Amino acid sequence: MPLTPIQILSVDMGPDSLASLGLGIEKPDPQVMERPPRSRTERLFNWPLVLRAYFFLGIIEAGAAMACFFFILQNGGWLYGQKMAMDDPLYL
């Protein structure tokens, strides 16, 4: 199996619980019901959102993930350019 059930649950529940915590502690906006609804022609997925999500936040998240990946490998004794064996505990 590529992923164990515990790994699948942690991948599924980890990001969801962090987002839920953020939404749960957000203070309610007392003026939210006084604002008019958005236009029917206004799109929910627009270019500023795409640019922010993929070209700003996506690059930051990818860089952080790669930094963590290489940090773990180097702390385990891996050297850049070294091939890892399939039965190496660091690889597993």
N, C-alpha and C. Protein backbone atom coordinates (compact mmCIF):
# COMPACT_ATOMS: atom_id res chain seq x y z
N MET A 1 0.84 -1.18 0.00
CA MET A 1 0.00 0.00 0.00
C MET A 1 0.88 1.25 0.00
N PRO A 2 0.58 2.21 -0.85
CA PRO A 2 1.37 3.44 -0.86
C PRO A 2 1.22 4.23 0.44
N LEU A 3 0.02 4.28 1.00
CA LEU A 3 -0.24 5.00 2.25
C LEU A 3 -0.99 4.10 3.21
N THR A 4 -0.63 4.19 4.47
CA THR A 4 -1.36 3.44 5.49
C THR A 4 -2.63 4.20 5.85
N PRO A 5 -3.60 3.55 6.47
CA PRO A 5 -4.82 4.26 6.86
C PRO A 5 -4.55 5.44 7.80
N ILE A 6 -3.58 5.32 8.68
CA ILE A 6 -3.25 6.42 9.59
C ILE A 6 -2.70 7.61 8.81
N GLN A 7 -1.87 7.34 7.80
CA GLN A 7 -1.34 8.42 6.98
C GLN A 7 -2.45 9.11 6.19
N ILE A 8 -3.37 8.35 5.66
CA ILE A 8 -4.49 8.93 4.92
C ILE A 8 -5.32 9.81 5.84
N LEU A 9 -5.60 9.33 7.04
CA LEU A 9 -6.37 10.14 7.99
C LEU A 9 -5.63 11.41 8.38
N SER A 10 -4.33 11.32 8.58
CA SER A 10 -3.58 12.52 8.98
C SER A 10 -3.53 13.53 7.84
N VAL A 11 -3.40 13.06 6.60
CA VAL A 11 -3.41 13.98 5.46
C VAL A 11 -4.79 14.61 5.31
N ASP A 12 -5.83 13.84 5.56
CA ASP A 12 -7.19 14.35 5.41
C ASP A 12 -7.59 15.27 6.57
N MET A 13 -7.28 14.88 7.78
CA MET A 13 -7.76 15.63 8.95
C MET A 13 -6.84 16.81 9.34
N GLY A 14 -5.57 16.72 9.04
CA GLY A 14 -4.63 17.78 9.44
C GLY A 14 -5.01 19.16 8.90
N PRO A 15 -5.08 19.33 7.59
CA PRO A 15 -5.43 20.65 7.05
C PRO A 15 -6.85 21.08 7.43
N ASP A 16 -7.77 20.13 7.49
CA ASP A 16 -9.15 20.48 7.84
C ASP A 16 -9.26 21.02 9.25
N SER A 17 -8.54 20.41 10.18
CA SER A 17 -8.65 20.86 11.57
C SER A 17 -8.01 22.23 11.77
N LEU A 18 -6.91 22.51 11.06
CA LEU A 18 -6.30 23.83 11.17
C LEU A 18 -7.23 24.92 10.62
N ALA A 19 -7.87 24.65 9.50
CA ALA A 19 -8.81 25.62 8.94
C ALA A 19 -10.01 25.81 9.86
N SER A 20 -10.49 24.74 10.45
CA SER A 20 -11.63 24.83 11.37
C SER A 20 -11.28 25.64 12.61
N LEU A 21 -10.06 25.47 13.12
CA LEU A 21 -9.65 26.27 14.26
C LEU A 21 -9.62 27.75 13.92
N GLY A 22 -9.11 28.08 12.76
CA GLY A 22 -9.08 29.47 12.33
C GLY A 22 -10.47 30.07 12.20
N LEU A 23 -11.39 29.31 11.63
CA LEU A 23 -12.76 29.81 11.48
C LEU A 23 -13.48 29.86 12.82
N GLY A 24 -13.14 28.96 13.72
CA GLY A 24 -13.83 28.90 15.01
C GLY A 24 -13.47 30.06 15.93
N ILE A 25 -12.26 30.59 15.82
CA ILE A 25 -11.87 31.67 16.72
C ILE A 25 -12.04 33.05 16.08
N GLU A 26 -12.48 33.09 14.83
CA GLU A 26 -12.70 34.37 14.17
C GLU A 26 -13.89 35.09 14.81
N LYS A 27 -13.70 36.35 15.10
CA LYS A 27 -14.78 37.13 15.72
C LYS A 27 -15.87 37.41 14.68
N PRO A 28 -17.13 37.34 15.07
CA PRO A 28 -18.21 37.61 14.11
C PRO A 28 -18.22 39.08 13.70
N ASP A 29 -18.57 39.31 12.46
CA ASP A 29 -18.68 40.67 11.94
C ASP A 29 -20.10 41.17 12.15
N PRO A 30 -20.30 42.20 12.97
CA PRO A 30 -21.67 42.66 13.24
C PRO A 30 -22.33 43.32 12.03
N GLN A 31 -21.56 43.72 11.04
CA GLN A 31 -22.12 44.41 9.88
C GLN A 31 -22.37 43.48 8.68
N VAL A 32 -22.15 42.20 8.84
CA VAL A 32 -22.20 41.30 7.70
C VAL A 32 -23.59 41.25 7.06
N MET A 33 -24.64 41.33 7.82
CA MET A 33 -25.99 41.24 7.26
C MET A 33 -26.46 42.56 6.68
N GLU A 34 -25.72 43.63 6.90
CA GLU A 34 -26.11 44.94 6.36
C GLU A 34 -25.48 45.19 4.98
N ARG A 35 -24.53 44.37 4.58
CA ARG A 35 -23.92 44.52 3.26
C ARG A 35 -24.82 43.93 2.19
N PRO A 36 -24.87 44.56 1.02
CA PRO A 36 -25.70 43.99 -0.06
C PRO A 36 -25.05 42.72 -0.60
N PRO A 37 -25.85 41.83 -1.17
CA PRO A 37 -25.28 40.61 -1.75
C PRO A 37 -24.40 40.94 -2.95
N ARG A 38 -23.50 40.06 -3.27
CA ARG A 38 -22.64 40.34 -4.42
C ARG A 38 -23.43 40.15 -5.71
N SER A 39 -22.93 40.75 -6.76
CA SER A 39 -23.61 40.72 -8.06
C SER A 39 -23.66 39.29 -8.60
N ARG A 40 -24.69 38.99 -9.37
CA ARG A 40 -24.82 37.66 -9.96
C ARG A 40 -23.74 37.42 -11.00
N THR A 41 -23.20 38.48 -11.57
CA THR A 41 -22.18 38.32 -12.61
C THR A 41 -20.78 38.25 -12.02
N GLU A 42 -20.63 38.56 -10.74
CA GLU A 42 -19.31 38.49 -10.10
C GLU A 42 -18.92 37.04 -9.91
N ARG A 43 -17.72 36.73 -10.33
CA ARG A 43 -17.25 35.34 -10.24
C ARG A 43 -16.63 35.09 -8.88
N LEU A 44 -16.75 33.87 -8.40
CA LEU A 44 -16.15 33.48 -7.14
C LEU A 44 -14.66 33.18 -7.32
N PHE A 45 -14.32 32.64 -8.48
CA PHE A 45 -12.94 32.28 -8.79
C PHE A 45 -12.43 33.27 -9.83
N ASN A 46 -11.71 34.30 -9.40
CA ASN A 46 -11.27 35.35 -10.30
C ASN A 46 -9.75 35.40 -10.42
N TRP A 47 -9.23 36.24 -11.31
CA TRP A 47 -7.80 36.29 -11.58
C TRP A 47 -6.97 36.71 -10.37
N PRO A 48 -7.36 37.72 -9.60
CA PRO A 48 -6.55 38.05 -8.41
C PRO A 48 -6.44 36.87 -7.44
N LEU A 49 -7.51 36.11 -7.29
CA LEU A 49 -7.47 34.93 -6.42
C LEU A 49 -6.53 33.87 -6.98
N VAL A 50 -6.59 33.63 -8.29
CA VAL A 50 -5.72 32.64 -8.93
C VAL A 50 -4.25 33.05 -8.77
N LEU A 51 -3.96 34.31 -9.03
CA LEU A 51 -2.58 34.78 -8.92
C LEU A 51 -2.07 34.66 -7.49
N ARG A 52 -2.89 35.01 -6.53
CA ARG A 52 -2.47 34.93 -5.12
C ARG A 52 -2.30 33.48 -4.69
N ALA A 53 -3.25 32.62 -5.06
CA ALA A 53 -3.22 31.23 -4.60
C ALA A 53 -2.08 30.43 -5.23
N TYR A 54 -1.90 30.55 -6.53
CA TYR A 54 -0.94 29.70 -7.22
C TYR A 54 0.44 30.32 -7.35
N PHE A 55 0.52 31.61 -7.61
CA PHE A 55 1.82 32.21 -7.87
C PHE A 55 2.45 32.86 -6.66
N PHE A 56 1.72 33.05 -5.60
CA PHE A 56 2.30 33.61 -4.38
C PHE A 56 2.31 32.56 -3.27
N LEU A 57 1.14 32.15 -2.82
CA LEU A 57 1.06 31.17 -1.73
C LEU A 57 1.56 29.80 -2.16
N GLY A 58 1.30 29.40 -3.39
CA GLY A 58 1.75 28.09 -3.87
C GLY A 58 3.26 27.97 -3.88
N ILE A 59 3.92 29.03 -4.31
CA ILE A 59 5.39 29.01 -4.34
C ILE A 59 5.95 28.98 -2.93
N ILE A 60 5.35 29.72 -2.02
CA ILE A 60 5.81 29.70 -0.62
C ILE A 60 5.61 28.31 -0.01
N GLU A 61 4.46 27.71 -0.23
CA GLU A 61 4.18 26.38 0.33
C GLU A 61 5.09 25.32 -0.29
N ALA A 62 5.33 25.40 -1.60
CA ALA A 62 6.23 24.43 -2.23
C ALA A 62 7.65 24.58 -1.70
N GLY A 63 8.11 25.80 -1.53
CA GLY A 63 9.44 26.03 -0.98
C GLY A 63 9.57 25.50 0.44
N ALA A 64 8.55 25.73 1.26
CA ALA A 64 8.57 25.23 2.64
C ALA A 64 8.56 23.70 2.67
N ALA A 65 7.77 23.08 1.80
CA ALA A 65 7.72 21.61 1.76
C ALA A 65 9.06 21.03 1.31
N MET A 66 9.67 21.63 0.30
CA MET A 66 10.97 21.13 -0.16
C MET A 66 12.05 21.35 0.89
N ALA A 67 12.00 22.48 1.60
CA ALA A 67 12.98 22.74 2.66
C ALA A 67 12.85 21.70 3.77
N CYS A 68 11.63 21.37 4.16
CA CYS A 68 11.41 20.34 5.19
C CYS A 68 11.89 18.98 4.70
N PHE A 69 11.61 18.67 3.45
CA PHE A 69 12.01 17.39 2.86
C PHE A 69 13.53 17.23 2.92
N PHE A 70 14.25 18.24 2.45
CA PHE A 70 15.71 18.14 2.44
C PHE A 70 16.30 18.25 3.84
N PHE A 71 15.65 18.97 4.73
CA PHE A 71 16.11 19.05 6.12
C PHE A 71 16.06 17.66 6.77
N ILE A 72 14.96 16.95 6.57
CA ILE A 72 14.81 15.61 7.13
C ILE A 72 15.85 14.66 6.53
N LEU A 73 16.03 14.74 5.21
CA LEU A 73 17.01 13.86 4.56
C LEU A 73 18.42 14.14 5.05
N GLN A 74 18.80 15.40 5.14
CA GLN A 74 20.17 15.72 5.57
C GLN A 74 20.40 15.37 7.03
N ASN A 75 19.42 15.53 7.88
CA ASN A 75 19.57 15.13 9.29
C ASN A 75 19.66 13.61 9.44
N GLY A 76 19.17 12.88 8.44
CA GLY A 76 19.26 11.43 8.48
C GLY A 76 20.55 10.89 7.90
N GLY A 77 21.41 11.79 7.41
CA GLY A 77 22.70 11.36 6.90
C GLY A 77 22.81 11.33 5.39
N TRP A 78 21.82 11.79 4.68
CA TRP A 78 21.85 11.80 3.22
C TRP A 78 22.70 12.96 2.73
N LEU A 79 23.47 12.73 1.66
CA LEU A 79 24.27 13.78 1.02
C LEU A 79 23.72 14.05 -0.36
N TYR A 80 23.80 15.29 -0.80
CA TYR A 80 23.27 15.68 -2.10
C TYR A 80 23.93 14.87 -3.21
N GLY A 81 23.14 14.29 -4.10
CA GLY A 81 23.65 13.50 -5.20
C GLY A 81 23.76 12.01 -4.89
N GLN A 82 23.64 11.65 -3.65
CA GLN A 82 23.74 10.25 -3.24
C GLN A 82 22.43 9.54 -3.54
N LYS A 83 22.53 8.37 -4.18
CA LYS A 83 21.31 7.58 -4.44
C LYS A 83 20.99 6.75 -3.22
N MET A 84 19.71 6.66 -2.92
CA MET A 84 19.28 5.91 -1.74
C MET A 84 18.80 4.52 -2.17
N ALA A 85 19.13 3.53 -1.37
CA ALA A 85 18.67 2.17 -1.64
C ALA A 85 17.19 2.06 -1.26
N MET A 86 16.51 1.13 -1.93
CA MET A 86 15.08 0.96 -1.67
C MET A 86 14.80 0.47 -0.25
N ASP A 87 15.77 -0.19 0.39
CA ASP A 87 15.56 -0.70 1.74
C ASP A 87 16.17 0.20 2.81
N ASP A 88 16.65 1.36 2.41
CA ASP A 88 17.21 2.32 3.36
C ASP A 88 16.11 2.85 4.27
N PRO A 89 16.28 2.82 5.61
CA PRO A 89 15.23 3.30 6.51
C PRO A 89 14.85 4.77 6.26
N LEU A 90 15.81 5.58 5.83
CA LEU A 90 15.50 6.98 5.54
C LEU A 90 14.58 7.10 4.34
N TYR A 91 14.78 6.23 3.36
CA TYR A 91 13.91 6.20 2.19
C TYR A 91 12.52 5.72 2.55
N LEU A 92 12.47 4.69 3.39
CA LEU A 92 11.19 4.12 3.77
C LEU A 92 10.43 5.10 4.64
